[in-house]
Amino acid sequence: VQLQASGGGSVQAGASLRLSCAASGRTFMLAWFRQAPGKEREFLASIRSSDGTTNYAESVKGRFTISRDSAKTTVYLQMDPLKPEDTAKYYCAATVTPTPPLSRLTHSQASAGMDYWGRGTQVTVSS
């Protein structure tokens, strides 16, 4: 499985961004995480490959939306509105075996359960 994240950038608070993750290979679930300097990697949202079931961390529910294209090869994370505390490096990740809803796990458990990681894309939000 190969994952390629893109779409990061520098924006003002209140703006929106859409991140993309191009995925190749068979997966069970694709997810977005982020990591700010000095903080642990944080689960944000996931989408199940078979049926598109989504799962969100409470911290981003209502502001972030995960989706995928019809070919199921690209997963998106729409972020709106962005806040300065959203500044972080954003990563897409995948599992290839059945995984429980990541929102039920601690962030470290969720991170440890992922099988593949893409390179991150930086998001910087200024006030």
C-alpha atoms as a PDB file:
ATOM      1  CA  VAL A   1       0.000   0.000   0.000  1.00  0.00           C
ATOM      2  CA  GLN A   2       1.290   3.419  -0.931  1.00  0.00           C
ATOM      3  CA  LEU A   3      -0.144   6.679   0.324  1.00  0.00           C
ATOM      4  CA  GLN A   4       0.561  10.169  -0.930  1.00  0.00           C
ATOM      5  CA  ALA A   5      -0.879  13.149   0.923  1.00  0.00           C
ATOM      6  CA  SER A   6      -1.118  16.625  -0.552  1.00  0.00           C
ATOM      7  CA  GLY A   7      -3.025  19.875  -0.256  1.00  0.00           C
ATOM      8  CA  GLY A   8      -1.462  21.485   2.801  1.00  0.00           C
ATOM      9  CA  GLY A   9      -0.575  25.137   2.957  1.00  0.00           C
ATOM     10  CA  SER A  10      -0.600  28.341   4.954  1.00  0.00           C
ATOM     11  CA  VAL A  11      -3.969  30.028   5.482  1.00  0.00           C
ATOM     12  CA  GLN A  12      -5.691  32.543   7.726  1.00  0.00           C
ATOM     13  CA  ALA A  13      -8.010  31.467  10.519  1.00  0.00           C
ATOM     14  CA  GLY A  14     -11.514  30.915   9.205  1.00  0.00           C
ATOM     15  CA  ALA A  15     -10.341  29.669   5.831  1.00  0.00           C
ATOM     16  CA  SER A  16     -10.796  26.167   4.488  1.00  0.00           C
ATOM     17  CA  LEU A  17      -8.467  23.582   3.019  1.00  0.00           C
ATOM     18  CA  ARG A  18      -8.986  20.213   1.400  1.00  0.00           C
ATOM     19  CA  LEU A  19      -6.292  17.603   1.838  1.00  0.00           C
ATOM     20  CA  SER A  20      -6.006  14.666  -0.553  1.00  0.00           C
ATOM     21  CA  CYS A  21      -4.566  11.209  -0.031  1.00  0.00           C
ATOM     22  CA  ALA A  22      -3.936   9.083  -3.112  1.00  0.00           C
ATOM     23  CA  ALA A  23      -3.974   5.435  -2.097  1.00  0.00           C
ATOM     24  CA  SER A  24      -2.830   2.397  -4.036  1.00  0.00           C
ATOM     25  CA  GLY A  25      -3.374  -1.159  -2.889  1.00  0.00           C
ATOM     26  CA  ARG A  26      -6.151  -2.896  -1.022  1.00  0.00           C
ATOM     27  CA  THR A  27      -7.083  -1.380   2.319  1.00  0.00           C
ATOM     28  CA  PHE A  28      -9.652  -1.910   5.071  1.00  0.00           C
ATOM     29  CA  MET A  29      -9.648   1.674   6.285  1.00  0.00           C
ATOM     30  CA  LEU A  30      -8.050   5.002   5.431  1.00  0.00           C
ATOM     31  CA  ALA A  31      -7.585   7.636   8.102  1.00  0.00           C
ATOM     32  CA  TRP A  32      -6.241  11.113   8.728  1.00  0.00           C
ATOM     33  CA  PHE A  33      -4.029  12.004  11.668  1.00  0.00           C
ATOM     34  CA  ARG A  34      -2.118  15.121  12.589  1.00  0.00           C
ATOM     35  CA  GLN A  35       0.843  15.923  14.774  1.00  0.00           C
ATOM     36  CA  ALA A  36       1.795  19.319  16.116  1.00  0.00           C
ATOM     37  CA  PRO A  37       5.299  19.988  17.460  1.00  0.00           C
ATOM     38  CA  GLY A  38       5.722  18.533  20.938  1.00  0.00           C
ATOM     39  CA  LYS A  39       2.367  16.744  20.846  1.00  0.00           C
ATOM     40  CA  GLU A  40       1.320  13.167  20.196  1.00  0.00           C
ATOM     41  CA  ARG A  41      -0.100  12.124  16.891  1.00  0.00           C
ATOM     42  CA  GLU A  42      -3.855  12.664  16.943  1.00  0.00           C
ATOM     43  CA  PHE A  43      -6.558  10.702  15.149  1.00  0.00           C
ATOM     44  CA  LEU A  44      -8.958  12.911  13.182  1.00  0.00           C
ATOM     45  CA  ALA A  45     -11.189  10.892  10.857  1.00  0.00           C
ATOM     46  CA  SER A  46     -11.426   7.588   9.045  1.00  0.00           C
ATOM     47  CA  ILE A  47     -13.378   6.001   6.223  1.00  0.00           C
ATOM     48  CA  ARG A  48     -13.943   2.303   5.699  1.00  0.00           C
ATOM     49  CA  SER A  49     -12.958   1.171   2.233  1.00  0.00           C
ATOM     50  CA  SER A  50     -15.744  -1.363   1.748  1.00  0.00           C
ATOM     51  CA  ASP A  51     -18.779   0.792   2.448  1.00  0.00           C
ATOM     52  CA  GLY A  52     -17.607   4.344   3.142  1.00  0.00           C
ATOM     53  CA  THR A  53     -18.548   4.319   6.841  1.00  0.00           C
ATOM     54  CA  THR A  54     -16.943   7.311   8.490  1.00  0.00           C
ATOM     55  CA  ASN A  55     -15.714   7.925  12.024  1.00  0.00           C
ATOM     56  CA  TYR A  56     -14.541  11.186  13.591  1.00  0.00           C
ATOM     57  CA  ALA A  57     -12.692  12.364  16.645  1.00  0.00           C
ATOM     58  CA  GLU A  58     -14.932  14.546  18.803  1.00  0.00           C
ATOM     59  CA  SER A  59     -12.426  17.394  18.538  1.00  0.00           C
ATOM     60  CA  VAL A  60     -13.071  17.871  14.800  1.00  0.00           C
ATOM     61  CA  LYS A  61     -16.639  16.609  14.383  1.00  0.00           C
ATOM     62  CA  GLY A  62     -18.675  19.221  12.567  1.00  0.00           C
ATOM     63  CA  ARG A  63     -15.622  21.060  11.138  1.00  0.00           C
ATOM     64  CA  PHE A  64     -13.759  18.316   9.283  1.00  0.00           C
ATOM     65  CA  THR A  65     -15.289  15.995   6.693  1.00  0.00           C
ATOM     66  CA  ILE A  66     -13.688  12.870   5.277  1.00  0.00           C
ATOM     67  CA  SER A  67     -14.803  11.612   1.883  1.00  0.00           C
ATOM     68  CA  ARG A  68     -13.510   9.700  -1.118  1.00  0.00           C
ATOM     69  CA  ASP A  69     -13.807   9.760  -4.880  1.00  0.00           C
ATOM     70  CA  SER A  70     -15.992   7.348  -6.802  1.00  0.00           C
ATOM     71  CA  ALA A  71     -12.989   5.245  -7.808  1.00  0.00           C
ATOM     72  CA  LYS A  72     -12.126   4.846  -4.097  1.00  0.00           C
ATOM     73  CA  THR A  73      -8.506   5.698  -4.826  1.00  0.00           C
ATOM     74  CA  THR A  74      -8.391   9.149  -3.258  1.00  0.00           C
ATOM     75  CA  VAL A  75      -9.548  10.161   0.202  1.00  0.00           C
ATOM     76  CA  TYR A  76     -10.148  13.783   1.111  1.00  0.00           C
ATOM     77  CA  LEU A  77     -10.221  15.755   4.346  1.00  0.00           C
ATOM     78  CA  GLN A  78     -12.195  18.970   4.067  1.00  0.00           C
ATOM     79  CA  MET A  79     -11.358  21.325   6.919  1.00  0.00           C
ATOM     80  CA  ASP A  80     -13.626  24.319   7.511  1.00  0.00           C
ATOM     81  CA  PRO A  81     -13.283  26.637   9.326  1.00  0.00           C
ATOM     82  CA  LEU A  82      -9.633  26.334  10.251  1.00  0.00           C
ATOM     83  CA  LYS A  83      -8.285  27.582  13.571  1.00  0.00           C
ATOM     84  CA  PRO A  84      -4.705  28.361  14.623  1.00  0.00           C
ATOM     85  CA  GLU A  85      -4.725  25.249  16.809  1.00  0.00           C
ATOM     86  CA  ASP A  86      -5.179  23.167  13.664  1.00  0.00           C
ATOM     87  CA  THR A  87      -1.579  23.948  12.736  1.00  0.00           C
ATOM     88  CA  ALA A  88       0.189  20.602  12.394  1.00  0.00           C
ATOM     89  CA  LYS A  89       1.585  18.108   9.960  1.00  0.00           C
ATOM     90  CA  TYR A  90      -1.253  15.997   8.578  1.00  0.00           C
ATOM     91  CA  TYR A  91      -0.806  12.343   7.679  1.00  0.00           C
ATOM     92  CA  CYS A  92      -2.930   9.784   5.930  1.00  0.00           C
ATOM     93  CA  ALA A  93      -2.682   6.190   7.057  1.00  0.00           C
ATOM     94  CA  ALA A  94      -4.217   2.838   6.221  1.00  0.00           C
ATOM     95  CA  THR A  95      -5.038  -0.504   7.744  1.00  0.00           C
ATOM     96  CA  VAL A  96      -5.351  -3.709   5.750  1.00  0.00           C
ATOM     97  CA  THR A  97      -7.165  -5.750   8.399  1.00  0.00           C
ATOM     98  CA  PRO A  98     -10.429  -5.079  10.280  1.00  0.00           C
ATOM     99  CA  THR A  99      -9.991  -2.298  12.799  1.00  0.00           C
ATOM    100  CA  PRO A 100     -12.400  -0.992  15.462  1.00  0.00           C
ATOM    101  CA  PRO A 101     -13.636   2.591  15.189  1.00  0.00           C
ATOM    102  CA  LEU A 102     -10.549   4.669  15.901  1.00  0.00           C
ATOM    103  CA  SER A 103     -12.512   7.225  17.936  1.00  0.00           C
ATOM    104  CA  ARG A 104     -12.936   4.540  20.610  1.00  0.00           C
ATOM    105  CA  LEU A 105      -9.173   4.252  21.048  1.00  0.00           C
ATOM    106  CA  THR A 106      -6.612   6.565  22.559  1.00  0.00           C
ATOM    107  CA  HIS A 107      -4.621   8.528  19.998  1.00  0.00           C
ATOM    108  CA  SER A 108      -1.549   6.388  20.639  1.00  0.00           C
ATOM    109  CA  GLN A 109      -3.574   3.178  20.247  1.00  0.00           C
ATOM    110  CA  ALA A 110      -5.095   4.460  17.020  1.00  0.00           C
ATOM    111  CA  SER A 111      -1.671   5.405  15.641  1.00  0.00           C
ATOM    112  CA  ALA A 112      -0.142   2.090  16.634  1.00  0.00           C
ATOM    113  CA  GLY A 113      -2.916   0.219  14.846  1.00  0.00           C
ATOM    114  CA  MET A 114      -2.232   1.667  11.414  1.00  0.00           C
ATOM    115  CA  ASP A 115      -0.290  -0.485   8.958  1.00  0.00           C
ATOM    116  CA  TYR A 116       0.870   2.107   6.451  1.00  0.00           C
ATOM    117  CA  TRP A 117       1.640   5.812   6.607  1.00  0.00           C
ATOM    118  CA  GLY A 118       2.085   8.443   3.974  1.00  0.00           C
ATOM    119  CA  ARG A 119       4.413  11.387   4.201  1.00  0.00           C
ATOM    120  CA  GLY A 120       2.753  14.292   5.918  1.00  0.00           C
ATOM    121  CA  THR A 121       1.588  17.564   4.511  1.00  0.00           C
ATOM    122  CA  GLN A 122       1.971  20.748   6.558  1.00  0.00           C
ATOM    123  CA  VAL A 123      -0.991  22.919   7.462  1.00  0.00           C
ATOM    124  CA  THR A 124      -0.293  26.288   9.059  1.00  0.00           C
ATOM    125  CA  VAL A 125      -3.149  28.501  10.249  1.00  0.00           C
ATOM    126  CA  SER A 126      -2.403  32.040  11.293  1.00  0.00           C
ATOM    127  CA  SER A 127      -4.648  34.235  13.417  1.00  0.00           C
END
